[in-house]
Amino acid sequence: MRKALTMLVLALVLPAGAALADDDCRVPMADWQPREAVTALAQERGWTISGIKIDDGCYEVRGTDAEGHQIRVKIDPGNLDLVEMRIRYRDRDGRRSGPPEGNHD
């Protein structure tokens, strides 16, 4: 009985947790923009790309932004919208620091 109750609780909780952390892209491959379009988007934004890969159905770009901070960006492959962006801020000496005043991206 206890094992059945545990399995029932897990069955109810796990789908809810997965729905909360949904940063996946669900675009059919036929509708994807080419990698060249991702590269052009990065150049428009002043990013320097160190790599592009596919993660959770999204393009994932790693590199640096125009200020030299390390970035990791998930991009929707269909419309090139930003799904998630992570920035690791660095000070002039290369040490990790918090976000600049007034910028909380």
PDB file of N, CA and C in Angstrom:
ATOM      1  N   MET A   1       0.823  -1.194   0.000  1.00  0.00           N
ATOM      2  CA  MET A   1       0.000   0.000   0.000  1.00  0.00           C
ATOM      3  C   MET A   1       0.871   1.263   0.000  1.00  0.00           C
ATOM      4  N   ARG A   2       1.897   1.259   0.818  1.00  0.00           N
ATOM      5  CA  ARG A   2       2.770   2.431   0.914  1.00  0.00           C
ATOM      6  C   ARG A   2       3.483   2.695  -0.413  1.00  0.00           C
ATOM      7  N   LYS A   3       3.930   1.635  -1.075  1.00  0.00           N
ATOM      8  CA  LYS A   3       4.610   1.766  -2.359  1.00  0.00           C
ATOM      9  C   LYS A   3       3.659   2.337  -3.407  1.00  0.00           C
ATOM     10  N   ALA A   4       2.430   1.899  -3.406  1.00  0.00           N
ATOM     11  CA  ALA A   4       1.434   2.398  -4.362  1.00  0.00           C
ATOM     12  C   ALA A   4       1.150   3.877  -4.110  1.00  0.00           C
ATOM     13  N   LEU A   5       1.080   4.273  -2.852  1.00  0.00           N
ATOM     14  CA  LEU A   5       0.850   5.674  -2.507  1.00  0.00           C
ATOM     15  C   LEU A   5       2.017   6.549  -2.950  1.00  0.00           C
ATOM     16  N   THR A   6       3.231   6.064  -2.744  1.00  0.00           N
ATOM     17  CA  THR A   6       4.423   6.802  -3.178  1.00  0.00           C
ATOM     18  C   THR A   6       4.420   6.979  -4.692  1.00  0.00           C
ATOM     19  N   MET A   7       4.090   5.936  -5.426  1.00  0.00           N
ATOM     20  CA  MET A   7       4.052   6.016  -6.885  1.00  0.00           C
ATOM     21  C   MET A   7       2.963   6.981  -7.352  1.00  0.00           C
ATOM     22  N   LEU A   8       1.833   7.006  -6.670  1.00  0.00           N
ATOM     23  CA  LEU A   8       0.754   7.922  -7.022  1.00  0.00           C
ATOM     24  C   LEU A   8       1.184   9.370  -6.804  1.00  0.00           C
ATOM     25  N   VAL A   9       1.851   9.642  -5.699  1.00  0.00           N
ATOM     26  CA  VAL A   9       2.332  10.991  -5.415  1.00  0.00           C
ATOM     27  C   VAL A   9       3.354  11.420  -6.473  1.00  0.00           C
ATOM     28  N   LEU A  10       4.283  10.556  -6.820  1.00  0.00           N
ATOM     29  CA  LEU A  10       5.270  10.873  -7.847  1.00  0.00           C
ATOM     30  C   LEU A  10       4.607  11.122  -9.196  1.00  0.00           C
ATOM     31  N   ALA A  11       3.616  10.336  -9.537  1.00  0.00           N
ATOM     32  CA  ALA A  11       2.921  10.506 -10.813  1.00  0.00           C
ATOM     33  C   ALA A  11       2.214  11.852 -10.881  1.00  0.00           C
ATOM     34  N   LEU A  12       1.753  12.352  -9.754  1.00  0.00           N
ATOM     35  CA  LEU A  12       1.063  13.637  -9.736  1.00  0.00           C
ATOM     36  C   LEU A  12       2.023  14.815  -9.690  1.00  0.00           C
ATOM     37  N   VAL A  13       3.156  14.659  -9.017  1.00  0.00           N
ATOM     38  CA  VAL A  13       4.091  15.763  -8.814  1.00  0.00           C
ATOM     39  C   VAL A  13       5.036  15.962  -9.993  1.00  0.00           C
ATOM     40  N   LEU A  14       5.570  14.923 -10.571  1.00  0.00           N
ATOM     41  CA  LEU A  14       6.576  15.046 -11.621  1.00  0.00           C
ATOM     42  C   LEU A  14       6.090  15.828 -12.846  1.00  0.00           C
ATOM     43  N   PRO A  15       4.905  15.585 -13.384  1.00  0.00           N
ATOM     44  CA  PRO A  15       4.488  16.394 -14.542  1.00  0.00           C
ATOM     45  C   PRO A  15       4.364  17.879 -14.219  1.00  0.00           C
ATOM     46  N   ALA A  16       3.954  18.212 -13.008  1.00  0.00           N
ATOM     47  CA  ALA A  16       3.840  19.626 -12.631  1.00  0.00           C
ATOM     48  C   ALA A  16       5.212  20.276 -12.591  1.00  0.00           C
ATOM     49  N   GLY A  17       6.209  19.591 -12.079  1.00  0.00           N
ATOM     50  CA  GLY A  17       7.564  20.127 -12.037  1.00  0.00           C
ATOM     51  C   GLY A  17       8.134  20.314 -13.429  1.00  0.00           C
ATOM     52  N   ALA A  18       7.863  19.392 -14.313  1.00  0.00           N
ATOM     53  CA  ALA A  18       8.359  19.502 -15.685  1.00  0.00           C
ATOM     54  C   ALA A  18       7.707  20.683 -16.396  1.00  0.00           C
ATOM     55  N   ALA A  19       6.454  20.941 -16.137  1.00  0.00           N
ATOM     56  CA  ALA A  19       5.763  22.060 -16.783  1.00  0.00           C
ATOM     57  C   ALA A  19       6.314  23.397 -16.307  1.00  0.00           C
ATOM     58  N   LEU A  20       6.742  23.475 -15.064  1.00  0.00           N
ATOM     59  CA  LEU A  20       7.268  24.721 -14.535  1.00  0.00           C
ATOM     60  C   LEU A  20       8.633  25.061 -15.133  1.00  0.00           C
ATOM     61  N   ALA A  21       9.395  24.058 -15.523  1.00  0.00           N
ATOM     62  CA  ALA A  21      10.745  24.287 -16.028  1.00  0.00           C
ATOM     63  C   ALA A  21      10.787  24.115 -17.544  1.00  0.00           C
ATOM     64  N   ASP A  22       9.758  24.579 -18.251  1.00  0.00           N
ATOM     65  CA  ASP A  22       9.671  24.355 -19.685  1.00  0.00           C
ATOM     66  C   ASP A  22      10.346  25.476 -20.455  1.00  0.00           C
ATOM     67  N   ASP A  23      11.630  25.280 -20.771  1.00  0.00           N
ATOM     68  CA  ASP A  23      12.333  26.225 -21.625  1.00  0.00           C
ATOM     69  C   ASP A  23      12.815  25.501 -22.879  1.00  0.00           C
ATOM     70  N   ASP A  24      12.067  24.452 -23.247  1.00  0.00           N
ATOM     71  CA  ASP A  24      12.371  23.694 -24.445  1.00  0.00           C
ATOM     72  C   ASP A  24      11.724  24.364 -25.652  1.00  0.00           C
ATOM     73  N   CYS A  25      12.262  24.075 -26.829  1.00  0.00           N
ATOM     74  CA  CYS A  25      11.696  24.568 -28.083  1.00  0.00           C
ATOM     75  C   CYS A  25      11.061  23.388 -28.802  1.00  0.00           C
ATOM     76  N   ARG A  26       9.896  23.611 -29.354  1.00  0.00           N
ATOM     77  CA  ARG A  26       9.174  22.542 -30.034  1.00  0.00           C
ATOM     78  C   ARG A  26       8.820  22.979 -31.452  1.00  0.00           C
ATOM     79  N   VAL A  27       9.838  23.185 -32.241  1.00  0.00           N
ATOM     80  CA  VAL A  27       9.653  23.632 -33.615  1.00  0.00           C
ATOM     81  C   VAL A  27      10.090  22.492 -34.536  1.00  0.00           C
ATOM     82  N   PRO A  28       9.253  22.100 -35.490  1.00  0.00           N
ATOM     83  CA  PRO A  28       9.675  21.046 -36.429  1.00  0.00           C
ATOM     84  C   PRO A  28      10.944  21.475 -37.184  1.00  0.00           C
ATOM     85  N   MET A  29      11.838  20.534 -37.403  1.00  0.00           N
ATOM     86  CA  MET A  29      13.118  20.834 -38.062  1.00  0.00           C
ATOM     87  C   MET A  29      12.917  21.541 -39.407  1.00  0.00           C
ATOM     88  N   ALA A  30      11.848  21.236 -40.107  1.00  0.00           N
ATOM     89  CA  ALA A  30      11.586  21.857 -41.412  1.00  0.00           C
ATOM     90  C   ALA A  30      11.369  23.373 -41.287  1.00  0.00           C
ATOM     91  N   ASP A  31      10.994  23.840 -40.088  1.00  0.00           N
ATOM     92  CA  ASP A  31      10.707  25.258 -39.862  1.00  0.00           C
ATOM     93  C   ASP A  31      11.863  26.011 -39.201  1.00  0.00           C
ATOM     94  N   TRP A  32      12.996  25.363 -39.026  1.00  0.00           N
ATOM     95  CA  TRP A  32      14.137  25.998 -38.362  1.00  0.00           C
ATOM     96  C   TRP A  32      14.811  27.015 -39.262  1.00  0.00           C
ATOM     97  N   GLN A  33      15.260  28.098 -38.649  1.00  0.00           N
ATOM     98  CA  GLN A  33      16.126  29.057 -39.325  1.00  0.00           C
ATOM     99  C   GLN A  33      17.527  28.438 -39.392  1.00  0.00           C
ATOM    100  N   PRO A  34      18.306  28.735 -40.431  1.00  0.00           N
ATOM    101  CA  PRO A  34      19.657  28.155 -40.526  1.00  0.00           C
ATOM    102  C   PRO A  34      20.607  28.751 -39.480  1.00  0.00           C
ATOM    103  N   ARG A  35      21.687  28.052 -39.207  1.00  0.00           N
ATOM    104  CA  ARG A  35      22.701  28.531 -38.254  1.00  0.00           C
ATOM    105  C   ARG A  35      23.256  29.892 -38.668  1.00  0.00           C
ATOM    106  N   GLU A  36      23.309  30.146 -39.970  1.00  0.00           N
ATOM    107  CA  GLU A  36      23.798  31.445 -40.449  1.00  0.00           C
ATOM    108  C   GLU A  36      22.927  32.582 -39.925  1.00  0.00           C
ATOM    109  N   ALA A  37      21.626  32.334 -39.786  1.00  0.00           N
ATOM    110  CA  ALA A  37      20.723  33.353 -39.238  1.00  0.00           C
ATOM    111  C   ALA A  37      21.024  33.597 -37.760  1.00  0.00           C
ATOM    112  N   VAL A  38      21.385  32.545 -37.039  1.00  0.00           N
ATOM    113  CA  VAL A  38      21.760  32.678 -35.625  1.00  0.00           C
ATOM    114  C   VAL A  38      23.050  33.485 -35.518  1.00  0.00           C
ATOM    115  N   THR A  39      23.993  33.194 -36.401  1.00  0.00           N
ATOM    116  CA  THR A  39      25.260  33.932 -36.416  1.00  0.00           C
ATOM    117  C   THR A  39      25.012  35.411 -36.719  1.00  0.00           C
ATOM    118  N   ALA A  40      24.130  35.694 -37.671  1.00  0.00           N
ATOM    119  CA  ALA A  40      23.810  37.089 -38.006  1.00  0.00           C
ATOM    120  C   ALA A  40      23.157  37.796 -36.823  1.00  0.00           C
ATOM    121  N   LEU A  41      22.252  37.103 -36.113  1.00  0.00           N
ATOM    122  CA  LEU A  41      21.608  37.677 -34.928  1.00  0.00           C
ATOM    123  C   LEU A  41      22.660  38.028 -33.879  1.00  0.00           C
ATOM    124  N   ALA A  42      23.600  37.117 -33.662  1.00  0.00           N
ATOM    125  CA  ALA A  42      24.664  37.353 -32.682  1.00  0.00           C
ATOM    126  C   ALA A  42      25.499  38.566 -33.067  1.00  0.00           C
ATOM    127  N   GLN A  43      25.843  38.689 -34.329  1.00  0.00           N
ATOM    128  CA  GLN A  43      26.640  39.826 -34.790  1.00  0.00           C
ATOM    129  C   GLN A  43      25.877  41.137 -34.604  1.00  0.00           C
ATOM    130  N   GLU A  44      24.574  41.134 -34.884  1.00  0.00           N
ATOM    131  CA  GLU A  44      23.748  42.335 -34.688  1.00  0.00           C
ATOM    132  C   GLU A  44      23.761  42.784 -33.235  1.00  0.00           C
ATOM    133  N   ARG A  45      23.835  41.830 -32.321  1.00  0.00           N
ATOM    134  CA  ARG A  45      23.808  42.135 -30.892  1.00  0.00           C
ATOM    135  C   ARG A  45      25.199  42.369 -30.316  1.00  0.00           C
ATOM    136  N   GLY A  46      26.224  42.250 -31.129  1.00  0.00           N
ATOM    137  CA  GLY A  46      27.589  42.489 -30.667  1.00  0.00           C
ATOM    138  C   GLY A  46      28.204  41.320 -29.937  1.00  0.00           C
ATOM    139  N   TRP A  47      27.648  40.118 -30.118  1.00  0.00           N
ATOM    140  CA  TRP A  47      28.170  38.936 -29.460  1.00  0.00           C
ATOM    141  C   TRP A  47      29.298  38.328 -30.277  1.00  0.00           C
ATOM    142  N   THR A  48      30.259  37.729 -29.580  1.00  0.00           N
ATOM    143  CA  THR A  48      31.287  36.910 -30.196  1.00  0.00           C
ATOM    144  C   THR A  48      30.963  35.469 -29.841  1.00  0.00           C
ATOM    145  N   ILE A  49      30.757  34.634 -30.847  1.00  0.00           N
ATOM    146  CA  ILE A  49      30.324  33.254 -30.627  1.00  0.00           C
ATOM    147  C   ILE A  49      31.533  32.337 -30.481  1.00  0.00           C
ATOM    148  N   SER A  50      31.489  31.504 -29.421  1.00  0.00           N
ATOM    149  CA  SER A  50      32.511  30.471 -29.288  1.00  0.00           C
ATOM    150  C   SER A  50      31.943  29.110 -29.681  1.00  0.00           C
ATOM    151  N   GLY A  51      30.616  29.002 -29.719  1.00  0.00           N
ATOM    152  CA  GLY A  51      29.999  27.746 -30.131  1.00  0.00           C
ATOM    153  C   GLY A  51      28.496  27.856 -30.248  1.00  0.00           C
ATOM    154  N   ILE A  52      27.943  27.054 -31.157  1.00  0.00           N
ATOM    155  CA  ILE A  52      26.494  26.921 -31.308  1.00  0.00           C
ATOM    156  C   ILE A  52      26.186  25.434 -31.280  1.00  0.00           C
ATOM    157  N   LYS A  53      25.230  25.054 -30.436  1.00  0.00           N
ATOM    158  CA  LYS A  53      24.800  23.663 -30.401  1.00  0.00           C
ATOM    159  C   LYS A  53      23.281  23.632 -30.253  1.00  0.00           C
ATOM    160  N   ILE A  54      22.723  22.439 -30.281  1.00  0.00           N
ATOM    161  CA  ILE A  54      21.291  22.264 -30.091  1.00  0.00           C
ATOM    162  C   ILE A  54      21.083  21.664 -28.708  1.00  0.00           C
ATOM    163  N   ASP A  55      20.192  22.290 -27.920  1.00  0.00           N
ATOM    164  CA  ASP A  55      19.889  21.820 -26.572  1.00  0.00           C
ATOM    165  C   ASP A  55      18.398  21.970 -26.339  1.00  0.00           C
ATOM    166  N   ASP A  56      17.732  20.891 -25.960  1.00  0.00           N
ATOM    167  CA  ASP A  56      16.288  20.892 -25.696  1.00  0.00           C
ATOM    168  C   ASP A  56      15.496  21.426 -26.887  1.00  0.00           C
ATOM    169  N   GLY A  57      15.967  21.149 -28.108  1.00  0.00           N
ATOM    170  CA  GLY A  57      15.275  21.590 -29.302  1.00  0.00           C
ATOM    171  C   GLY A  57      15.506  23.050 -29.656  1.00  0.00           C
ATOM    172  N   CYS A  58      16.368  23.731 -28.910  1.00  0.00           N
ATOM    173  CA  CYS A  58      16.685  25.140 -29.154  1.00  0.00           C
ATOM    174  C   CYS A  58      18.135  25.246 -29.627  1.00  0.00           C
ATOM    175  N   TYR A  59      18.438  26.346 -30.311  1.00  0.00           N
ATOM    176  CA  TYR A  59      19.842  26.674 -30.526  1.00  0.00           C
ATOM    177  C   TYR A  59      20.385  27.176 -29.193  1.00  0.00           C
ATOM    178  N   GLU A  60      21.604  26.791 -28.851  1.00  0.00           N
ATOM    179  CA  GLU A  60      22.270  27.336 -27.677  1.00  0.00           C
ATOM    180  C   GLU A  60      23.572  27.970 -28.140  1.00  0.00           C
ATOM    181  N   VAL A  61      23.699  29.256 -27.889  1.00  0.00           N
ATOM    182  CA  VAL A  61      24.881  30.011 -28.285  1.00  0.00           C
ATOM    183  C   VAL A  61      25.694  30.300 -27.039  1.00  0.00           C
ATOM    184  N   ARG A  62      26.984  30.036 -27.121  1.00  0.00           N
ATOM    185  CA  ARG A  62      27.919  30.391 -26.052  1.00  0.00           C
ATOM    186  C   ARG A  62      28.933  31.358 -26.626  1.00  0.00           C
ATOM    187  N   GLY A  63      29.338  32.311 -25.810  1.00  0.00           N
ATOM    188  CA  GLY A  63      30.323  33.278 -26.255  1.00  0.00           C
ATOM    189  C   GLY A  63      30.416  34.426 -25.288  1.00  0.00           C
ATOM    190  N   THR A  64      30.662  35.622 -25.829  1.00  0.00           N
ATOM    191  CA  THR A  64      30.749  36.819 -25.008  1.00  0.00           C
ATOM    192  C   THR A  64      29.880  37.914 -25.608  1.00  0.00           C
ATOM    193  N   ASP A  65      29.381  38.792 -24.744  1.00  0.00           N
ATOM    194  CA  ASP A  65      28.593  39.924 -25.227  1.00  0.00           C
ATOM    195  C   ASP A  65      29.537  41.066 -25.601  1.00  0.00           C
ATOM    196  N   ALA A  66      28.963  42.194 -25.978  1.00  0.00           N
ATOM    197  CA  ALA A  66      29.762  43.338 -26.438  1.00  0.00           C
ATOM    198  C   ALA A  66      30.692  43.873 -25.348  1.00  0.00           C
ATOM    199  N   GLU A  67      30.354  43.650 -24.057  1.00  0.00           N
ATOM    200  CA  GLU A  67      31.185  44.123 -22.951  1.00  0.00           C
ATOM    201  C   GLU A  67      32.195  43.070 -22.499  1.00  0.00           C
ATOM    202  N   GLY A  68      32.217  41.917 -23.147  1.00  0.00           N
ATOM    203  CA  GLY A  68      33.173  40.869 -22.800  1.00  0.00           C
ATOM    204  C   GLY A  68      32.706  39.896 -21.738  1.00  0.00           C
ATOM    205  N   HIS A  69      31.442  39.978 -21.323  1.00  0.00           N
ATOM    206  CA  HIS A  69      30.902  39.053 -20.331  1.00  0.00           C
ATOM    207  C   HIS A  69      30.533  37.737 -21.013  1.00  0.00           C
ATOM    208  N   GLN A  70      30.780  36.623 -20.336  1.00  0.00           N
ATOM    209  CA  GLN A  70      30.413  35.321 -20.884  1.00  0.00           C
ATOM    210  C   GLN A  70      28.900  35.191 -20.923  1.00  0.00           C
ATOM    211  N   ILE A  71      28.386  34.659 -22.042  1.00  0.00           N
ATOM    212  CA  ILE A  71      26.947  34.474 -22.181  1.00  0.00           C
ATOM    213  C   ILE A  71      26.642  33.059 -22.640  1.00  0.00           C
ATOM    214  N   ARG A  72      25.445  32.615 -22.289  1.00  0.00           N
ATOM    215  CA  ARG A  72      24.854  31.388 -22.814  1.00  0.00           C
ATOM    216  C   ARG A  72      23.408  31.732 -23.116  1.00  0.00           C
ATOM    217  N   VAL A  73      23.014  31.600 -24.382  1.00  0.00           N
ATOM    218  CA  VAL A  73      21.700  32.035 -24.824  1.00  0.00           C
ATOM    219  C   VAL A  73      20.984  30.894 -25.530  1.00  0.00           C
ATOM    220  N   LYS A  74      19.746  30.617 -25.103  1.00  0.00           N
ATOM    221  CA  LYS A  74      18.889  29.677 -25.817  1.00  0.00           C
ATOM    222  C   LYS A  74      18.008  30.479 -26.760  1.00  0.00           C
ATOM    223  N   ILE A  75      17.957  30.042 -28.023  1.00  0.00           N
ATOM    224  CA  ILE A  75      17.232  30.762 -29.054  1.00  0.00           C
ATOM    225  C   ILE A  75      16.239  29.821 -29.723  1.00  0.00           C
ATOM    226  N   ASP A  76      14.996  30.285 -29.878  1.00  0.00           N
ATOM    227  CA  ASP A  76      13.978  29.523 -30.584  1.00  0.00           C
ATOM    228  C   ASP A  76      14.408  29.378 -32.045  1.00  0.00           C
ATOM    229  N   PRO A  77      14.507  28.164 -32.557  1.00  0.00           N
ATOM    230  CA  PRO A  77      15.020  27.979 -33.909  1.00  0.00           C
ATOM    231  C   PRO A  77      14.046  28.404 -35.011  1.00  0.00           C
ATOM    232  N   GLY A  78      12.780  28.585 -34.673  1.00  0.00           N
ATOM    233  CA  GLY A  78      11.794  28.961 -35.675  1.00  0.00           C
ATOM    234  C   GLY A  78      11.744  30.453 -35.944  1.00  0.00           C
ATOM    235  N   ASN A  79      11.739  31.246 -34.874  1.00  0.00           N
ATOM    236  CA  ASN A  79      11.595  32.702 -35.027  1.00  0.00           C
ATOM    237  C   ASN A  79      12.782  33.487 -34.468  1.00  0.00           C
ATOM    238  N   LEU A  80      13.774  32.789 -33.940  1.00  0.00           N
ATOM    239  CA  LEU A  80      14.995  33.382 -33.371  1.00  0.00           C
ATOM    240  C   LEU A  80      14.728  34.289 -32.172  1.00  0.00           C
ATOM    241  N   ASP A  81      13.625  34.056 -31.459  1.00  0.00           N
ATOM    242  CA  ASP A  81      13.373  34.760 -30.206  1.00  0.00           C
ATOM    243  C   ASP A  81      14.275  34.172 -29.114  1.00  0.00           C
ATOM    244  N   LEU A  82      14.685  35.021 -28.167  1.00  0.00           N
ATOM    245  CA  LEU A  82      15.476  34.545 -27.036  1.00  0.00           C
ATOM    246  C   LEU A  82      14.568  33.805 -26.067  1.00  0.00           C
ATOM    247  N   VAL A  83      14.932  32.589 -25.724  1.00  0.00           N
ATOM    248  CA  VAL A  83      14.176  31.778 -24.781  1.00  0.00           C
ATOM    249  C   VAL A  83      14.739  31.959 -23.381  1.00  0.00           C
ATOM    250  N   GLU A  84      16.054  32.004 -23.292  1.00  0.00           N
ATOM    251  CA  GLU A  84      16.737  32.155 -22.005  1.00  0.00           C
ATOM    252  C   GLU A  84      18.114  32.746 -22.274  1.00  0.00           C
ATOM    253  N   MET A  85      18.550  33.633 -21.375  1.00  0.00           N
ATOM    254  CA  MET A  85      19.883  34.216 -21.514  1.00  0.00           C
ATOM    255  C   MET A  85      20.541  34.264 -20.141  1.00  0.00           C
ATOM    256  N   ARG A  86      21.747  33.733 -20.085  1.00  0.00           N
ATOM    257  CA  ARG A  86      22.530  33.772 -18.848  1.00  0.00           C
ATOM    258  C   ARG A  86      23.799  34.547 -19.118  1.00  0.00           C
ATOM    259  N   ILE A  87      24.119  35.446 -18.195  1.00  0.00           N
ATOM    260  CA  ILE A  87      25.317  36.272 -18.330  1.00  0.00           C
ATOM    261  C   ILE A  87      26.177  36.079 -17.090  1.00  0.00           C
ATOM    262  N   ARG A  88      27.459  35.836 -17.290  1.00  0.00           N
ATOM    263  CA  ARG A  88      28.412  35.769 -16.176  1.00  0.00           C
ATOM    264  C   ARG A  88      29.234  37.047 -16.251  1.00  0.00           C
ATOM    265  N   TYR A  89      28.895  37.967 -15.373  1.00  0.00           N
ATOM    266  CA  TYR A  89      29.565  39.268 -15.365  1.00  0.00           C
ATOM    267  C   TYR A  89      30.989  39.148 -14.843  1.00  0.00           C
ATOM    268  N   ARG A  90      31.893  39.902 -15.450  1.00  0.00           N
ATOM    269  CA  ARG A  90      33.296  39.941 -15.044  1.00  0.00           C
ATOM    270  C   ARG A  90      33.719  41.388 -14.873  1.00  0.00           C
ATOM    271  N   ASP A  91      34.600  41.633 -13.890  1.00  0.00           N
ATOM    272  CA  ASP A  91      35.140  42.985 -13.752  1.00  0.00           C
ATOM    273  C   ASP A  91      36.369  43.111 -14.655  1.00  0.00           C
ATOM    274  N   ARG A  92      37.018  44.229 -14.639  1.00  0.00           N
ATOM    275  CA  ARG A  92      38.151  44.474 -15.535  1.00  0.00           C
ATOM    276  C   ARG A  92      39.328  43.540 -15.302  1.00  0.00           C
ATOM    277  N   ASP A  93      39.429  42.990 -14.084  1.00  0.00           N
ATOM    278  CA  ASP A  93      40.512  42.061 -13.766  1.00  0.00           C
ATOM    279  C   ASP A  93      40.136  40.621 -14.089  1.00  0.00           C
ATOM    280  N   GLY A  94      38.937  40.406 -14.667  1.00  0.00           N
ATOM    281  CA  GLY A  94      38.512  39.064 -15.019  1.00  0.00           C
ATOM    282  C   GLY A  94      37.831  38.316 -13.894  1.00  0.00           C
ATOM    283  N   ARG A  95      37.642  38.981 -12.747  1.00  0.00           N
ATOM    284  CA  ARG A  95      36.972  38.329 -11.625  1.00  0.00           C
ATOM    285  C   ARG A  95      35.468  38.411 -11.808  1.00  0.00           C
ATOM    286  N   ARG A  96      34.792  37.378 -11.350  1.00  0.00           N
ATOM    287  CA  ARG A  96      33.331  37.350 -11.443  1.00  0.00           C
ATOM    288  C   ARG A  96      32.754  38.410 -10.529  1.00  0.00           C
ATOM    289  N   SER A  97      31.736  39.124 -11.018  1.00  0.00           N
ATOM    290  CA  SER A  97      31.083  40.143 -10.213  1.00  0.00           C
ATOM    291  C   SER A  97      29.590  40.087 -10.462  1.00  0.00           C
ATOM    292  N   GLY A  98      28.824  40.864  -9.714  1.00  0.00           N
ATOM    293  CA  GLY A  98      27.380  40.926  -9.879  1.00  0.00           C
ATOM    294  C   GLY A  98      27.005  41.752 -11.094  1.00  0.00           C
ATOM    295  N   PRO A  99      25.710  41.819 -11.403  1.00  0.00           N
ATOM    296  CA  PRO A  99      25.272  42.616 -12.548  1.00  0.00           C
ATOM    297  C   PRO A  99      25.542  44.087 -12.323  1.00  0.00           C
ATOM    298  N   PRO A 100      25.793  44.833 -13.398  1.00  0.00           N
ATOM    299  CA  PRO A 100      26.014  46.278 -13.240  1.00  0.00           C
ATOM    300  C   PRO A 100      24.784  46.965 -12.674  1.00  0.00           C
ATOM    301  N   GLU A 101      24.999  48.084 -12.028  1.00  0.00           N
ATOM    302  CA  GLU A 101      23.919  48.860 -11.435  1.00  0.00           C
ATOM    303  C   GLU A 101      22.852  49.165 -12.475  1.00  0.00           C
ATOM    304  N   GLY A 102      21.591  48.829 -12.174  1.00  0.00           N
ATOM    305  CA  GLY A 102      20.485  49.152 -13.056  1.00  0.00           C
ATOM    306  C   GLY A 102      20.284  48.169 -14.186  1.00  0.00           C
ATOM    307  N   ASN A 103      21.119  47.135 -14.322  1.00  0.00           N
ATOM    308  CA  ASN A 103      20.968  46.138 -15.377  1.00  0.00           C
ATOM    309  C   ASN A 103      20.866  44.775 -14.732  1.00  0.00           C
ATOM    310  N   HIS A 104      19.707  44.178 -14.778  1.00  0.00           N
ATOM    311  CA  HIS A 104      19.499  42.908 -14.104  1.00  0.00           C
ATOM    312  C   HIS A 104      19.088  41.827 -15.078  1.00  0.00           C
ATOM    313  N   ASP A 105      19.721  41.748 -16.238  1.00  0.00           N
ATOM    314  CA  ASP A 105      19.413  40.702 -17.228  1.00  0.00           C
ATOM    315  C   ASP A 105      19.867  39.352 -16.748  1.00  0.00           C
TER     316      ASP A 105
END
